[in-house]
Amino acid sequence: MLLSTIREIVAAGLAAGLAVMWLFAGVTKLFSPLSLAYAQRLINGPRWLCIAIVRTLPFVEIALGGVLLTRHWVREAASISLALFVSFTLVLGIAYFRGSLTGLSTVGDCGCFGKKRPEAVPSRKIPIRTQLGPQADYIAARMVVRPLILAMISCVVAFKA
């Protein structure tokens, strides 16, 4: 009985944290004009796909945040979150192994929460890893691990451990 209550409280806290994160990510992407450049660079796909993702993803993230905050359809929203985080991990992992994450700023800004600095627009040229040093490799690897950790949190919320 007590263990079940603790699980519910932890799941509710994690759901609220995910909701705030989704709302913040969605709102910052809405006001970020440079997200398209990052989506094209990370996805490395056709322009129409990048435009579709950039134009719909902020609204999906805001909707997920709202659903998780209202505590209606939490399992469904957490399952969708899990799918999104796994796909983000795959996209960032592929970009990492291609070497295109190492050219981002030293703060590790992948565009997941929008872009605010115009000087951080990525170039089409992919830098060589050895020129950037091990710190850039660590920052890029950290960007890949973050959505994986959030996917695990989504799994806990969806299935309440």
C-alpha atoms as a PDB file:
ATOM      1  CA  MET A   1       0.000   0.000   0.000  1.00  0.00           C
ATOM      2  CA  LEU A   2       2.700   2.497   0.997  1.00  0.00           C
ATOM      3  CA  LEU A   3       4.934   1.424  -1.890  1.00  0.00           C
ATOM      4  CA  SER A   4       2.068   1.937  -4.326  1.00  0.00           C
ATOM      5  CA  THR A   5       1.466   5.448  -2.982  1.00  0.00           C
ATOM      6  CA  ILE A   6       5.154   6.309  -3.276  1.00  0.00           C
ATOM      7  CA  ARG A   7       5.159   5.064  -6.883  1.00  0.00           C
ATOM      8  CA  GLU A   8       2.157   7.237  -7.692  1.00  0.00           C
ATOM      9  CA  ILE A   9       3.767  10.315  -6.129  1.00  0.00           C
ATOM     10  CA  VAL A  10       7.058   9.744  -7.966  1.00  0.00           C
ATOM     11  CA  ALA A  11       5.220   9.164 -11.261  1.00  0.00           C
ATOM     12  CA  ALA A  12       3.164  12.340 -10.762  1.00  0.00           C
ATOM     13  CA  GLY A  13       6.315  14.358 -10.024  1.00  0.00           C
ATOM     14  CA  LEU A  14       8.107  12.971 -13.061  1.00  0.00           C
ATOM     15  CA  ALA A  15       5.044  13.657 -15.231  1.00  0.00           C
ATOM     16  CA  ALA A  16       4.959  17.265 -14.011  1.00  0.00           C
ATOM     17  CA  GLY A  17       8.671  17.630 -14.769  1.00  0.00           C
ATOM     18  CA  LEU A  18       8.179  16.222 -18.264  1.00  0.00           C
ATOM     19  CA  ALA A  19       5.224  18.548 -18.790  1.00  0.00           C
ATOM     20  CA  VAL A  20       7.247  21.631 -17.873  1.00  0.00           C
ATOM     21  CA  MET A  21      10.110  20.478 -20.101  1.00  0.00           C
ATOM     22  CA  TRP A  22       7.747  19.892 -23.070  1.00  0.00           C
ATOM     23  CA  LEU A  23       6.070  23.271 -22.598  1.00  0.00           C
ATOM     24  CA  PHE A  24       9.402  25.074 -22.385  1.00  0.00           C
ATOM     25  CA  ALA A  25      10.791  23.263 -25.445  1.00  0.00           C
ATOM     26  CA  GLY A  26       7.660  23.912 -27.507  1.00  0.00           C
ATOM     27  CA  VAL A  27       7.342  27.596 -26.655  1.00  0.00           C
ATOM     28  CA  THR A  28      11.020  28.343 -27.292  1.00  0.00           C
ATOM     29  CA  LYS A  29      10.864  26.578 -30.664  1.00  0.00           C
ATOM     30  CA  LEU A  30       7.853  28.678 -31.657  1.00  0.00           C
ATOM     31  CA  PHE A  31       9.888  31.852 -31.223  1.00  0.00           C
ATOM     32  CA  SER A  32      13.102  30.508 -32.705  1.00  0.00           C
ATOM     33  CA  PRO A  33      13.673  31.375 -36.356  1.00  0.00           C
ATOM     34  CA  LEU A  34      16.823  29.271 -36.690  1.00  0.00           C
ATOM     35  CA  SER A  35      15.378  25.869 -35.754  1.00  0.00           C
ATOM     36  CA  LEU A  36      14.962  24.969 -39.416  1.00  0.00           C
ATOM     37  CA  ALA A  37      18.695  25.244 -40.017  1.00  0.00           C
ATOM     38  CA  TYR A  38      19.401  22.868 -37.139  1.00  0.00           C
ATOM     39  CA  ALA A  39      16.701  20.414 -38.172  1.00  0.00           C
ATOM     40  CA  GLN A  40      18.116  20.263 -41.688  1.00  0.00           C
ATOM     41  CA  ARG A  41      21.606  19.746 -40.376  1.00  0.00           C
ATOM     42  CA  LEU A  42      20.682  17.043 -37.845  1.00  0.00           C
ATOM     43  CA  ILE A  43      18.118  15.188 -39.940  1.00  0.00           C
ATOM     44  CA  ASN A  44      20.074  15.567 -43.163  1.00  0.00           C
ATOM     45  CA  GLY A  45      16.897  14.826 -45.057  1.00  0.00           C
ATOM     46  CA  PRO A  46      14.762  16.506 -47.669  1.00  0.00           C
ATOM     47  CA  ARG A  47      13.802  20.115 -47.083  1.00  0.00           C
ATOM     48  CA  TRP A  48      10.057  19.380 -47.050  1.00  0.00           C
ATOM     49  CA  LEU A  49      10.538  16.869 -44.193  1.00  0.00           C
ATOM     50  CA  CYS A  50      12.544  19.363 -42.154  1.00  0.00           C
ATOM     51  CA  ILE A  51       9.932  22.070 -42.701  1.00  0.00           C
ATOM     52  CA  ALA A  52       7.129  19.692 -41.682  1.00  0.00           C
ATOM     53  CA  ILE A  53       8.964  18.677 -38.509  1.00  0.00           C
ATOM     54  CA  VAL A  54       9.907  22.232 -37.534  1.00  0.00           C
ATOM     55  CA  ARG A  55       6.358  23.498 -38.070  1.00  0.00           C
ATOM     56  CA  THR A  56       4.545  20.696 -36.228  1.00  0.00           C
ATOM     57  CA  LEU A  57       6.923  19.671 -33.444  1.00  0.00           C
ATOM     58  CA  PRO A  58       6.418  22.763 -31.233  1.00  0.00           C
ATOM     59  CA  PHE A  59       2.660  22.240 -31.228  1.00  0.00           C
ATOM     60  CA  VAL A  60       3.031  18.537 -30.441  1.00  0.00           C
ATOM     61  CA  GLU A  61       5.375  19.377 -27.559  1.00  0.00           C
ATOM     62  CA  ILE A  62       3.014  22.004 -26.148  1.00  0.00           C
ATOM     63  CA  ALA A  63       0.082  19.596 -26.430  1.00  0.00           C
ATOM     64  CA  LEU A  64       2.041  16.860 -24.638  1.00  0.00           C
ATOM     65  CA  GLY A  65       2.984  19.289 -21.874  1.00  0.00           C
ATOM     66  CA  GLY A  66      -0.622  20.372 -21.452  1.00  0.00           C
ATOM     67  CA  VAL A  67      -1.921  16.804 -21.342  1.00  0.00           C
ATOM     68  CA  LEU A  68       0.705  15.776 -18.794  1.00  0.00           C
ATOM     69  CA  LEU A  69      -0.078  18.799 -16.610  1.00  0.00           C
ATOM     70  CA  THR A  70      -3.815  18.143 -16.620  1.00  0.00           C
ATOM     71  CA  ARG A  71      -3.161  14.474 -15.711  1.00  0.00           C
ATOM     72  CA  HIS A  72      -5.598  13.241 -18.382  1.00  0.00           C
ATOM     73  CA  TRP A  73      -4.347  10.484 -20.697  1.00  0.00           C
ATOM     74  CA  VAL A  74      -1.017  10.427 -18.888  1.00  0.00           C
ATOM     75  CA  ARG A  75      -0.130   6.935 -20.090  1.00  0.00           C
ATOM     76  CA  GLU A  76      -0.785   7.870 -23.721  1.00  0.00           C
ATOM     77  CA  ALA A  77       1.126  11.161 -23.477  1.00  0.00           C
ATOM     78  CA  ALA A  78       4.044   9.459 -21.751  1.00  0.00           C
ATOM     79  CA  SER A  79       4.072   6.752 -24.428  1.00  0.00           C
ATOM     80  CA  ILE A  80       4.183   9.400 -27.166  1.00  0.00           C
ATOM     81  CA  SER A  81       6.938  11.144 -25.197  1.00  0.00           C
ATOM     82  CA  LEU A  82       8.848   7.883 -25.040  1.00  0.00           C
ATOM     83  CA  ALA A  83       8.562   7.467 -28.821  1.00  0.00           C
ATOM     84  CA  LEU A  84       9.698  11.065 -29.410  1.00  0.00           C
ATOM     85  CA  PHE A  85      12.673  10.750 -27.073  1.00  0.00           C
ATOM     86  CA  VAL A  86      13.767   7.494 -28.700  1.00  0.00           C
ATOM     87  CA  SER A  87      13.537   9.133 -32.125  1.00  0.00           C
ATOM     88  CA  PHE A  88      15.461  12.192 -30.857  1.00  0.00           C
ATOM     89  CA  THR A  89      18.128   9.837 -29.478  1.00  0.00           C
ATOM     90  CA  LEU A  90      18.392   8.074 -32.832  1.00  0.00           C
ATOM     91  CA  VAL A  91      18.613  11.323 -34.811  1.00  0.00           C
ATOM     92  CA  LEU A  92      21.192  12.836 -32.460  1.00  0.00           C
ATOM     93  CA  GLY A  93      23.131   9.555 -32.301  1.00  0.00           C
ATOM     94  CA  ILE A  94      23.338   9.337 -36.087  1.00  0.00           C
ATOM     95  CA  ALA A  95      24.358  13.008 -36.239  1.00  0.00           C
ATOM     96  CA  TYR A  96      26.986  12.355 -33.561  1.00  0.00           C
ATOM     97  CA  PHE A  97      28.533   9.450 -35.447  1.00  0.00           C
ATOM     98  CA  ARG A  98      28.418  11.460 -38.679  1.00  0.00           C
ATOM     99  CA  GLY A  99      30.366  14.159 -36.844  1.00  0.00           C
ATOM    100  CA  SER A 100      27.870  16.972 -37.348  1.00  0.00           C
ATOM    101  CA  LEU A 101      27.245  17.610 -33.630  1.00  0.00           C
ATOM    102  CA  THR A 102      30.825  18.550 -32.883  1.00  0.00           C
ATOM    103  CA  GLY A 103      30.545  21.903 -34.650  1.00  0.00           C
ATOM    104  CA  LEU A 104      27.917  23.226 -32.275  1.00  0.00           C
ATOM    105  CA  SER A 105      28.692  25.739 -29.567  1.00  0.00           C
ATOM    106  CA  THR A 106      30.556  24.724 -26.432  1.00  0.00           C
ATOM    107  CA  VAL A 107      27.381  24.930 -24.350  1.00  0.00           C
ATOM    108  CA  GLY A 108      26.047  21.924 -26.234  1.00  0.00           C
ATOM    109  CA  ASP A 109      23.161  23.616 -27.965  1.00  0.00           C
ATOM    110  CA  CYS A 110      21.489  21.200 -30.376  1.00  0.00           C
ATOM    111  CA  GLY A 111      18.430  23.379 -30.998  1.00  0.00           C
ATOM    112  CA  CYS A 112      16.189  21.224 -28.815  1.00  0.00           C
ATOM    113  CA  PHE A 113      15.024  24.312 -26.967  1.00  0.00           C
ATOM    114  CA  GLY A 114      15.196  26.690 -29.916  1.00  0.00           C
ATOM    115  CA  LYS A 115      18.006  28.976 -31.015  1.00  0.00           C
ATOM    116  CA  LYS A 116      18.460  32.396 -29.549  1.00  0.00           C
ATOM    117  CA  ARG A 117      21.861  33.470 -30.864  1.00  0.00           C
ATOM    118  CA  PRO A 118      22.151  34.430 -34.545  1.00  0.00           C
ATOM    119  CA  GLU A 119      25.899  33.796 -34.484  1.00  0.00           C
ATOM    120  CA  ALA A 120      25.270  30.108 -33.782  1.00  0.00           C
ATOM    121  CA  VAL A 121      23.818  29.298 -37.210  1.00  0.00           C
ATOM    122  CA  PRO A 122      25.452  26.067 -38.329  1.00  0.00           C
ATOM    123  CA  SER A 123      27.542  25.949 -41.434  1.00  0.00           C
ATOM    124  CA  ARG A 124      27.040  23.259 -44.028  1.00  0.00           C
ATOM    125  CA  LYS A 125      30.668  22.238 -43.647  1.00  0.00           C
ATOM    126  CA  ILE A 126      31.129  19.504 -41.052  1.00  0.00           C
ATOM    127  CA  PRO A 127      34.208  20.177 -38.908  1.00  0.00           C
ATOM    128  CA  ILE A 128      36.857  17.571 -38.271  1.00  0.00           C
ATOM    129  CA  ARG A 129      36.651  16.140 -34.737  1.00  0.00           C
ATOM    130  CA  THR A 130      40.378  16.247 -34.108  1.00  0.00           C
ATOM    131  CA  GLN A 131      40.431  20.024 -34.576  1.00  0.00           C
ATOM    132  CA  LEU A 132      37.847  20.563 -31.852  1.00  0.00           C
ATOM    133  CA  GLY A 133      39.381  18.458 -29.107  1.00  0.00           C
ATOM    134  CA  PRO A 134      37.891  16.028 -26.591  1.00  0.00           C
ATOM    135  CA  GLN A 135      35.631  18.623 -24.956  1.00  0.00           C
ATOM    136  CA  ALA A 136      33.543  18.950 -28.112  1.00  0.00           C
ATOM    137  CA  ASP A 137      33.203  15.180 -28.293  1.00  0.00           C
ATOM    138  CA  TYR A 138      32.022  15.046 -24.672  1.00  0.00           C
ATOM    139  CA  ILE A 139      29.455  17.799 -25.263  1.00  0.00           C
ATOM    140  CA  ALA A 140      28.128  16.064 -28.365  1.00  0.00           C
ATOM    141  CA  ALA A 141      27.869  12.709 -26.572  1.00  0.00           C
ATOM    142  CA  ARG A 142      26.021  14.390 -23.702  1.00  0.00           C
ATOM    143  CA  MET A 143      23.447  15.735 -26.186  1.00  0.00           C
ATOM    144  CA  VAL A 144      22.798  12.167 -27.322  1.00  0.00           C
ATOM    145  CA  VAL A 145      22.420  10.789 -23.786  1.00  0.00           C
ATOM    146  CA  ARG A 146      19.972  13.456 -22.554  1.00  0.00           C
ATOM    147  CA  PRO A 147      16.960  12.314 -24.605  1.00  0.00           C
ATOM    148  CA  LEU A 148      17.742   8.711 -23.692  1.00  0.00           C
ATOM    149  CA  ILE A 149      17.469   9.575 -19.993  1.00  0.00           C
ATOM    150  CA  LEU A 150      14.227  11.449 -20.660  1.00  0.00           C
ATOM    151  CA  ALA A 151      12.953   8.373 -22.525  1.00  0.00           C
ATOM    152  CA  MET A 152      13.571   6.312 -19.395  1.00  0.00           C
ATOM    153  CA  ILE A 153      11.670   8.854 -17.312  1.00  0.00           C
ATOM    154  CA  SER A 154       8.799   8.705 -19.807  1.00  0.00           C
ATOM    155  CA  CYS A 155       8.782   4.931 -19.497  1.00  0.00           C
ATOM    156  CA  VAL A 156       8.497   5.199 -15.709  1.00  0.00           C
ATOM    157  CA  VAL A 157       5.609   7.664 -16.037  1.00  0.00           C
ATOM    158  CA  ALA A 158       3.824   5.553 -18.653  1.00  0.00           C
ATOM    159  CA  PHE A 159       4.062   2.306 -16.746  1.00  0.00           C
ATOM    160  CA  LYS A 160       4.482   3.637 -13.183  1.00  0.00           C
ATOM    161  CA  ALA A 161       7.446   1.325 -12.591  1.00  0.00           C
END
